[in-house]
Protein backbone atom coordinates (compact mmCIF):
# COMPACT_ATOMS: atom_id res chain seq x y z
CA MET A 1 3.02 49.06 -7.32
CA LEU A 2 2.32 48.43 -10.99
CA ILE A 3 0.24 51.22 -12.54
CA HIS A 4 -1.16 50.63 -16.01
CA PRO A 5 -2.04 53.76 -18.02
CA TRP A 6 -5.77 53.08 -17.62
CA ASP A 7 -5.39 52.88 -13.82
CA ALA A 8 -3.38 56.09 -13.43
CA PRO A 9 -5.07 59.16 -11.93
CA HIS A 10 -6.50 61.55 -14.48
CA ASP A 11 -4.74 64.45 -12.77
CA GLU A 12 -3.20 65.45 -9.44
CA GLY A 13 -6.56 66.64 -8.19
CA GLU A 14 -7.94 63.10 -8.28
CA TRP A 15 -5.47 61.59 -5.84
CA ARG A 16 -5.33 64.72 -3.68
CA ASP A 17 -9.12 64.74 -3.27
CA TRP A 18 -9.18 61.03 -2.46
CA LEU A 19 -6.34 61.38 0.05
CA SER A 20 -8.09 64.26 1.79
CA ARG A 21 -10.90 61.83 2.66
CA HIS A 22 -8.77 58.79 3.52
CA ASP A 23 -6.59 59.37 6.53
CA PHE A 24 -5.53 55.96 7.80
CA GLY A 25 -2.63 54.06 6.29
CA GLN A 26 0.47 52.02 6.91
CA LEU A 27 3.85 53.65 7.39
CA ALA A 28 6.69 51.46 6.08
CA VAL A 29 10.17 52.11 7.48
CA ASN A 30 13.27 50.34 6.16
CA GLY A 31 14.53 47.79 8.65
CA LEU A 32 18.00 47.70 10.10
CA PRO A 33 20.43 45.27 8.40
CA GLY A 34 19.06 41.77 8.67
CA ASP A 35 15.60 42.92 9.74
CA PRO A 36 12.41 43.16 7.68
CA PRO A 37 10.78 46.58 7.23
CA TRP A 38 8.71 48.04 10.05
CA VAL A 39 5.07 48.61 9.11
CA GLN A 40 3.07 50.85 11.42
CA PRO A 41 -0.72 51.37 11.03
CA THR A 42 -1.55 54.99 11.79
CA HIS A 43 -4.02 57.82 11.41
CA PHE A 44 -2.52 60.89 9.75
CA ARG A 45 -3.29 64.35 8.47
CA TYR A 46 -2.36 65.13 4.86
CA GLU A 47 -1.68 68.78 4.00
CA ALA A 48 -1.34 69.89 0.38
CA GLU A 49 1.41 72.38 1.26
CA PRO A 50 4.29 73.10 1.55
CA GLY A 51 6.26 71.81 -1.42
CA PRO A 52 4.94 70.31 -4.66
CA TYR A 53 3.37 67.29 -2.95
CA GLY A 54 2.63 68.55 0.55
CA ARG A 55 3.31 66.90 3.88
CA VAL A 56 1.88 64.39 6.33
CA LEU A 57 1.54 64.77 10.10
CA THR A 58 1.30 61.84 12.48
CA HIS A 59 2.57 60.81 15.91
CA LEU A 60 3.69 57.61 17.59
CA ALA A 61 4.49 56.51 21.12
CA ARG A 62 8.05 57.11 22.25
CA PRO A 63 8.58 53.37 23.11
CA ASN A 64 7.75 52.40 19.51
CA PRO A 65 10.60 50.16 18.29
CA LEU A 66 10.76 51.66 14.80
CA TRP A 67 12.62 54.83 15.89
CA ARG A 68 16.09 53.29 15.56
CA ALA A 69 15.34 52.15 12.03
CA LEU A 70 13.92 55.56 11.16
CA GLN A 71 17.03 57.32 12.43
CA ALA A 72 19.17 55.03 10.29
CA ASN A 73 17.13 55.80 7.15
CA PRO A 74 14.56 58.61 7.13
CA THR A 75 13.16 57.65 3.71
CA VAL A 76 9.74 56.07 4.34
CA LEU A 77 6.61 55.07 2.44
CA LEU A 78 3.07 55.78 3.56
CA SER A 79 0.61 53.44 1.85
CA VAL A 80 -3.13 54.12 1.83
CA VAL A 81 -5.61 51.62 0.33
CA ASP A 82 -9.41 51.74 0.40
CA ASP A 83 -12.59 51.45 -1.70
CA TYR A 84 -11.55 47.89 -2.50
CA VAL A 85 -13.91 45.13 -3.59
CA PHE A 86 -13.66 41.60 -4.95
CA VAL A 87 -15.24 41.14 -8.39
CA PRO A 88 -16.29 37.56 -9.21
CA GLY A 89 -15.25 36.16 -12.56
CA THR A 90 -18.88 35.62 -13.55
CA TRP A 91 -19.34 39.40 -13.58
CA THR A 92 -16.55 40.12 -16.07
CA VAL A 93 -17.58 37.83 -18.93
CA PRO A 94 -18.21 39.46 -22.33
CA GLU A 95 -21.40 38.50 -24.13
CA GLY A 96 -21.15 35.11 -25.81
CA THR A 97 -18.43 33.83 -23.48
CA PRO A 98 -19.08 31.01 -20.96
CA THR A 99 -19.53 32.51 -17.50
CA ALA A 100 -16.93 30.11 -16.06
CA HIS A 101 -14.30 31.74 -18.27
CA GLY A 102 -14.53 35.10 -16.57
CA THR A 103 -11.51 36.35 -14.65
CA PRO A 104 -11.98 37.17 -10.94
CA THR A 105 -10.27 40.40 -9.97
CA SER A 106 -9.99 43.18 -7.40
CA TYR A 107 -10.85 46.84 -7.69
CA TYR A 108 -9.16 49.32 -5.37
CA ALA A 109 -7.79 52.82 -4.92
CA SER A 110 -4.28 53.30 -3.57
CA VAL A 111 -1.99 56.24 -2.94
CA GLN A 112 1.62 55.69 -1.92
CA LEU A 113 3.62 58.63 -0.59
CA ARG A 114 7.40 58.45 -0.56
CA CYS A 115 8.54 60.78 2.20
CA THR A 116 11.51 62.11 4.10
CA ALA A 117 10.72 61.79 7.79
CA HIS A 118 11.52 64.54 10.29
CA VAL A 119 11.17 63.64 13.98
CA VAL A 120 9.81 66.46 16.12
CA ASP A 121 10.69 66.44 19.82
CA ASP A 122 10.54 70.16 20.65
CA PRO A 123 7.55 70.44 23.03
CA ALA A 124 6.07 73.61 21.51
CA GLU A 125 6.37 72.45 17.89
CA LYS A 126 5.18 68.99 18.85
CA ALA A 127 2.07 70.42 20.51
CA GLU A 128 1.30 72.66 17.52
CA LEU A 129 1.54 69.81 15.02
CA LEU A 130 -0.39 67.44 17.27
CA ASN A 131 -3.19 69.99 17.61
CA ARG A 132 -3.31 70.34 13.83
CA GLN A 133 -3.76 66.60 13.51
CA VAL A 134 -6.52 66.49 16.14
CA ALA A 135 -8.29 69.42 14.42
CA HIS A 136 -8.47 67.38 11.23
CA PHE A 137 -10.34 64.57 12.96
CA GLN A 138 -12.36 66.79 15.32
CA PRO A 139 -13.12 69.98 13.36
CA ASP A 140 -15.89 70.82 15.83
CA GLY A 141 -13.47 70.74 18.75
CA GLY A 142 -14.43 69.22 22.05
CA THR A 143 -10.92 68.28 23.18
CA ALA A 144 -8.58 70.62 25.01
CA PRO A 145 -5.45 71.60 23.04
CA ALA A 146 -2.07 70.23 23.99
CA VAL A 147 0.02 72.94 25.67
CA PRO A 148 3.49 72.19 27.07
CA GLY A 149 3.44 72.23 30.86
CA GLU A 150 -0.32 72.72 31.11
CA ALA A 151 -3.12 70.31 32.00
CA PRO A 152 -4.60 68.10 30.79
CA PHE A 153 -2.17 66.97 28.07
CA GLY A 154 1.04 68.88 28.70
CA ARG A 155 2.58 66.16 30.83
CA LEU A 156 1.73 63.52 28.19
CA LEU A 157 3.71 65.21 25.40
CA SER A 158 6.94 63.58 26.53
CA GLY A 159 5.42 60.17 25.83
CA ILE A 160 5.02 60.73 22.09
CA ARG A 161 7.09 61.89 19.15
CA VAL A 162 5.59 63.69 16.17
CA LEU A 163 6.51 62.81 12.61
CA ARG A 164 6.50 65.47 9.93
CA LEU A 165 6.72 63.64 6.61
CA GLU A 166 7.89 65.68 3.63
CA VAL A 167 6.32 64.06 0.55
CA THR A 168 8.86 63.71 -2.27
CA GLU A 169 7.05 61.38 -4.66
CA VAL A 170 3.49 60.16 -5.20
CA ARG A 171 2.27 56.97 -6.86
CA ALA A 172 -1.49 56.67 -7.23
CA LYS A 173 -3.70 53.99 -8.73
CA PHE A 174 -7.44 53.70 -9.35
CA LYS A 175 -8.00 50.13 -10.56
CA TYR A 176 -11.61 50.08 -11.77
CA ALA A 177 -11.75 48.21 -15.10
CA GLY A 178 -10.63 51.18 -17.17
CA ASN A 179 -9.33 48.80 -19.85
CA LYS A 180 -12.52 46.72 -20.15
CA PRO A 181 -15.23 47.08 -22.83
CA ARG A 182 -18.12 49.30 -21.86
CA GLU A 183 -20.53 46.35 -21.79
CA VAL A 184 -18.36 44.62 -19.18
CA GLN A 185 -18.09 47.79 -17.13
CA ASP A 186 -21.87 48.13 -17.22
CA GLN A 187 -22.29 44.53 -16.05
CA VAL A 188 -19.95 45.03 -13.14
CA MET A 189 -21.60 48.28 -12.06
CA GLU A 190 -25.02 46.59 -12.12
CA ARG A 191 -23.73 43.73 -9.98
CA LEU A 192 -22.06 46.09 -7.52
CA ALA A 193 -25.36 47.97 -7.12
CA GLU A 194 -27.22 44.70 -6.56
CA ARG A 195 -24.72 43.33 -4.04
CA ASP A 196 -24.43 46.68 -2.22
CA GLY A 197 -21.86 45.31 0.21
CA PRO A 198 -19.15 47.20 2.10
CA ARG A 199 -17.33 49.59 -0.25
CA ASP A 200 -19.41 48.48 -3.30
CA ARG A 201 -20.98 51.93 -3.68
CA ALA A 202 -17.60 53.63 -3.45
CA ALA A 203 -16.09 51.28 -6.05
CA ARG A 204 -19.06 51.77 -8.38
CA GLY A 205 -18.75 55.53 -7.97
CA HIS A 206 -15.09 55.43 -8.95
CA GLN A 207 -15.84 53.29 -11.98
CA LEU A 208 -18.62 55.57 -13.18
CA ARG A 209 -16.71 58.79 -12.48
CA ARG A 210 -13.57 57.68 -14.24
CA ARG A 211 -15.47 56.44 -17.29
CA VAL A 212 -17.36 59.71 -17.64
CA THR A 213 -14.34 61.98 -17.18
CA GLY A 214 -11.65 59.78 -18.68
């Protein structure tokens, strides 16, 4: 992922805060020789500790075909993309330039986590990590915890494997016209507010926040 200086996060807190609120991504696992990479969509829980970059918790079904590839190479990439919008070229034209000469583009936020994957099969540890993941998505509870050998979920633990991903490197990008003149940024923000489509408010918020604090 190319990251221009104007698209880079202002600090670690920016990508950590964004990642704490975006918990669905694609896990890329290197394929076996001759095979393409495996890409698995998944919900996950990001935890800021331990280590300098934290860790990720997720789980997959035991029959998932990516396990062999993961055992061969535990280095994986978790890619998370959201708050993306298409910006028509007519919105990006500086004053005095024909509208047809504007460049269409995309705005988006993306965090890529390079990780070392650890497969957890021990029933007690698996249950503890699974419960931590569920607690992230259901902080108010409502679902019984997984306990090995106990109903209702103990017997189901054997059907999944938990992944504990140790984050070793982070690449983050917030592509929101940071290199454009202020007049163009203003135009785009006005158009995003007028269109008010899916993710337009989030994209406009990023653009305004990064301009004010950058």
